[in-house]
C-alpha atoms as a PDB file:
ATOM      1  CA  MET A   1      78.485 108.514  -6.601  1.00  0.00           C
ATOM      2  CA  CYS A   2      75.230 106.686  -7.102  1.00  0.00           C
ATOM      3  CA  PHE A   3      74.135 104.275  -4.391  1.00  0.00           C
ATOM      4  CA  LYS A   4      72.950 101.779  -7.029  1.00  0.00           C
ATOM      5  CA  THR A   5      76.569 101.437  -8.139  1.00  0.00           C
ATOM      6  CA  LEU A   6      77.596 100.719  -4.566  1.00  0.00           C
ATOM      7  CA  GLN A   7      74.872  98.066  -4.276  1.00  0.00           C
ATOM      8  CA  LYS A   8      76.667  96.075  -6.974  1.00  0.00           C
ATOM      9  CA  ASN A   9      79.626  95.731  -4.577  1.00  0.00           C
ATOM     10  CA  LYS A  10      77.549  94.169  -1.785  1.00  0.00           C
ATOM     11  CA  ASP A  11      79.415  90.869  -1.953  1.00  0.00           C
ATOM     12  CA  CYS A  12      82.791  92.599  -1.662  1.00  0.00           C
ATOM     13  CA  SER A  13      81.496  94.564   1.334  1.00  0.00           C
ATOM     14  CA  LEU A  14      80.255  91.389   3.023  1.00  0.00           C
ATOM     15  CA  LEU A  15      83.624  89.741   2.386  1.00  0.00           C
ATOM     16  CA  LEU A  16      85.417  92.705   3.957  1.00  0.00           C
ATOM     17  CA  LEU A  17      83.073  92.656   6.953  1.00  0.00           C
ATOM     18  CA  ARG A  18      83.579  88.905   7.410  1.00  0.00           C
ATOM     19  CA  LEU A  19      87.367  89.263   7.168  1.00  0.00           C
ATOM     20  CA  VAL A  20      87.443  92.005   9.805  1.00  0.00           C
ATOM     21  CA  ILE A  21      85.111  90.150  12.172  1.00  0.00           C
ATOM     22  CA  GLY A  22      87.116  86.972  11.705  1.00  0.00           C
ATOM     23  CA  ALA A  23      90.431  88.710  12.352  1.00  0.00           C
ATOM     24  CA  ILE A  24      89.104  90.304  15.539  1.00  0.00           C
ATOM     25  CA  PHE A  25      87.824  87.006  16.924  1.00  0.00           C
ATOM     26  CA  LEU A  26      91.002  85.168  15.925  1.00  0.00           C
ATOM     27  CA  ALA A  27      93.124  87.754  17.722  1.00  0.00           C
ATOM     28  CA  HIS A  28      91.007  87.790  20.873  1.00  0.00           C
ATOM     29  CA  GLY A  29      90.732  84.005  20.945  1.00  0.00           C
ATOM     30  CA  HIS A  30      94.494  83.699  20.493  1.00  0.00           C
ATOM     31  CA  MET A  31      95.023  85.937  23.542  1.00  0.00           C
ATOM     32  CA  LYS A  32      92.913  83.550  25.625  1.00  0.00           C
ATOM     33  CA  TRP A  33      95.057  80.552  24.610  1.00  0.00           C
ATOM     34  CA  SER A  34      97.852  81.637  26.965  1.00  0.00           C
ATOM     35  CA  ASN A  35      95.578  80.811  29.929  1.00  0.00           C
ATOM     36  CA  PHE A  36      94.080  77.624  28.450  1.00  0.00           C
ATOM     37  CA  ASP A  37      94.384  74.736  30.916  1.00  0.00           C
ATOM     38  CA  GLY A  38      91.927  72.178  29.540  1.00  0.00           C
ATOM     39  CA  THR A  39      89.277  72.528  32.247  1.00  0.00           C
ATOM     40  CA  LEU A  40      85.676  73.409  31.454  1.00  0.00           C
ATOM     41  CA  THR A  41      85.579  77.141  32.194  1.00  0.00           C
ATOM     42  CA  VAL A  42      84.022  80.018  30.298  1.00  0.00           C
ATOM     43  CA  MET A  43      87.431  81.374  29.283  1.00  0.00           C
ATOM     44  CA  ASN A  44      88.567  77.991  27.970  1.00  0.00           C
ATOM     45  CA  ILE A  45      85.354  77.593  25.983  1.00  0.00           C
ATOM     46  CA  LEU A  46      85.887  81.084  24.548  1.00  0.00           C
ATOM     47  CA  ALA A  47      89.506  80.207  23.745  1.00  0.00           C
ATOM     48  CA  ILE A  48      88.123  77.533  21.425  1.00  0.00           C
ATOM     49  CA  ALA A  49      84.891  79.176  20.208  1.00  0.00           C
ATOM     50  CA  GLU A  50      86.306  82.582  19.273  1.00  0.00           C
ATOM     51  CA  PRO A  51      89.033  81.329  16.898  1.00  0.00           C
ATOM     52  CA  LEU A  52      86.690  78.748  15.359  1.00  0.00           C
ATOM     53  CA  GLY A  53      84.064  81.422  14.776  1.00  0.00           C
ATOM     54  CA  GLY A  54      86.732  83.730  13.379  1.00  0.00           C
ATOM     55  CA  VAL A  55      87.976  81.131  10.902  1.00  0.00           C
ATOM     56  CA  ALA A  56      84.397  80.301   9.890  1.00  0.00           C
ATOM     57  CA  MET A  57      83.761  83.990   9.193  1.00  0.00           C
ATOM     58  CA  ILE A  58      86.965  84.403   7.185  1.00  0.00           C
ATOM     59  CA  VAL A  59      86.385  81.435   4.888  1.00  0.00           C
ATOM     60  CA  GLY A  60      82.605  81.783   4.869  1.00  0.00           C
ATOM     61  CA  LEU A  61      81.835  78.312   6.190  1.00  0.00           C
ATOM     62  CA  LEU A  62      78.572  77.857   8.134  1.00  0.00           C
ATOM     63  CA  THR A  63      78.634  81.628   8.287  1.00  0.00           C
ATOM     64  CA  ARG A  64      75.160  82.265   9.639  1.00  0.00           C
ATOM     65  CA  TRP A  65      75.666  79.701  12.428  1.00  0.00           C
ATOM     66  CA  ALA A  66      79.086  81.141  13.233  1.00  0.00           C
ATOM     67  CA  GLY A  67      77.495  84.585  13.343  1.00  0.00           C
ATOM     68  CA  LEU A  68      74.891  83.322  15.798  1.00  0.00           C
ATOM     69  CA  GLY A  69      77.575  81.868  18.051  1.00  0.00           C
ATOM     70  CA  LEU A  70      79.576  85.091  17.937  1.00  0.00           C
ATOM     71  CA  VAL A  71      76.424  87.094  18.748  1.00  0.00           C
ATOM     72  CA  VAL A  72      75.971  84.985  21.881  1.00  0.00           C
ATOM     73  CA  ILE A  73      79.615  85.611  22.828  1.00  0.00           C
ATOM     74  CA  MET A  74      79.224  89.359  22.350  1.00  0.00           C
ATOM     75  CA  LEU A  75      75.985  89.455  24.342  1.00  0.00           C
ATOM     76  CA  GLY A  76      77.882  87.770  27.170  1.00  0.00           C
ATOM     77  CA  ALA A  77      80.721  90.265  26.889  1.00  0.00           C
ATOM     78  CA  ILE A  78      78.330  93.212  27.033  1.00  0.00           C
ATOM     79  CA  GLN A  79      76.442  91.674  29.958  1.00  0.00           C
ATOM     80  CA  MET A  80      79.717  91.219  31.869  1.00  0.00           C
ATOM     81  CA  LYS A  81      80.605  94.854  31.383  1.00  0.00           C
ATOM     82  CA  PHE A  82      77.163  96.027  32.477  1.00  0.00           C
ATOM     83  CA  SER A  83      77.153  93.854  35.581  1.00  0.00           C
ATOM     84  CA  GLY A  84      80.672  94.731  36.648  1.00  0.00           C
ATOM     85  CA  GLY A  85      81.892  91.193  36.065  1.00  0.00           C
ATOM     86  CA  GLY A  86      84.394  92.386  33.480  1.00  0.00           C
ATOM     87  CA  LEU A  87      87.490  94.481  33.894  1.00  0.00           C
ATOM     88  CA  VAL A  88      85.509  97.715  33.835  1.00  0.00           C
ATOM     89  CA  SER A  89      81.904  97.987  34.988  1.00  0.00           C
ATOM     90  CA  PHE A  90      79.273 100.126  33.296  1.00  0.00           C
ATOM     91  CA  ALA A  91      79.080 102.333  36.366  1.00  0.00           C
ATOM     92  CA  THR A  92      82.740 103.293  35.945  1.00  0.00           C
ATOM     93  CA  GLY A  93      82.706 103.903  32.234  1.00  0.00           C
ATOM     94  CA  GLY A  94      82.007 100.433  30.780  1.00  0.00           C
ATOM     95  CA  LYS A  95      83.705 100.593  27.381  1.00  0.00           C
ATOM     96  CA  TRP A  96      81.056  98.324  25.872  1.00  0.00           C
ATOM     97  CA  GLU A  97      80.677 100.283  22.606  1.00  0.00           C
ATOM     98  CA  PHE A  98      83.217  98.160  20.703  1.00  0.00           C
ATOM     99  CA  ASP A  99      81.392  95.006  21.790  1.00  0.00           C
ATOM    100  CA  LEU A 100      78.091  96.475  20.609  1.00  0.00           C
ATOM    101  CA  LEU A 101      79.626  97.307  17.220  1.00  0.00           C
ATOM    102  CA  ILE A 102      80.964  93.764  16.813  1.00  0.00           C
ATOM    103  CA  LEU A 103      77.555  92.410  17.874  1.00  0.00           C
ATOM    104  CA  ALA A 104      75.840  94.521  15.201  1.00  0.00           C
ATOM    105  CA  ALA A 105      78.346  93.378  12.554  1.00  0.00           C
ATOM    106  CA  CYS A 106      77.708  89.726  13.435  1.00  0.00           C
ATOM    107  CA  VAL A 107      73.946  90.276  13.233  1.00  0.00           C
ATOM    108  CA  MET A 108      74.465  91.906   9.845  1.00  0.00           C
ATOM    109  CA  VAL A 109      76.347  88.884   8.500  1.00  0.00           C
ATOM    110  CA  MET A 110      73.743  86.545  10.016  1.00  0.00           C
ATOM    111  CA  THR A 111      70.881  88.323   8.273  1.00  0.00           C
ATOM    112  CA  MET A 112      72.591  89.210   4.977  1.00  0.00           C
ATOM    113  CA  GLY A 113      74.427  85.922   4.549  1.00  0.00           C
ATOM    114  CA  PRO A 114      78.061  85.449   3.615  1.00  0.00           C
ATOM    115  CA  GLY A 115      77.954  86.970   0.137  1.00  0.00           C
ATOM    116  CA  LYS A 116      79.078  85.132  -2.973  1.00  0.00           C
ATOM    117  CA  TYR A 117      82.758  84.928  -1.940  1.00  0.00           C
ATOM    118  CA  ALA A 118      82.288  82.175   0.647  1.00  0.00           C
ATOM    119  CA  LEU A 119      82.597  78.421   0.973  1.00  0.00           C
ATOM    120  CA  ASP A 120      78.915  78.285   1.910  1.00  0.00           C
ATOM    121  CA  VAL A 121      78.000  79.381  -1.607  1.00  0.00           C
ATOM    122  CA  TRP A 122      80.448  76.962  -3.214  1.00  0.00           C
ATOM    123  CA  ALA A 123      79.040  74.092  -1.126  1.00  0.00           C
ATOM    124  CA  LYS A 124      75.494  75.324  -1.906  1.00  0.00           C
ATOM    125  CA  TRP A 125      74.698  75.708   1.839  1.00  0.00           C
ATOM    126  CA  ASP A 126      73.788  79.347   1.360  1.00  0.00           C
ATOM    127  CA  LYS A 127      72.969  81.263  -1.805  1.00  0.00           C
ATOM    128  CA  ALA A 128      74.750  84.479  -2.698  1.00  0.00           C
END
């Protein structure tokens, strides 16, 4: 298969990437809702930010800004695992690779844009 043919499907690939990123953040944000108590803590902020970022990715609304916010979240997650502040520290086998992959995917969407199948393009906030 020729890579030029695959290049024509860039917008479909970006849509798929956005849908997967969005689903992951929706699921992880939903898990945090069970502990939501309304106080201003990092976990409560994440319980709001992760689902909002996930929905923004799925529909393609303010996608680059949502990607930036999700990058910050993932940098924090990786930092927690390196410092031992998470469930598993880096010294004991970290398990930060998934976080790094999600971080890279968010950076990809930030730099490439949402693709033409997004509300950003419809609203003329970002070009396809």
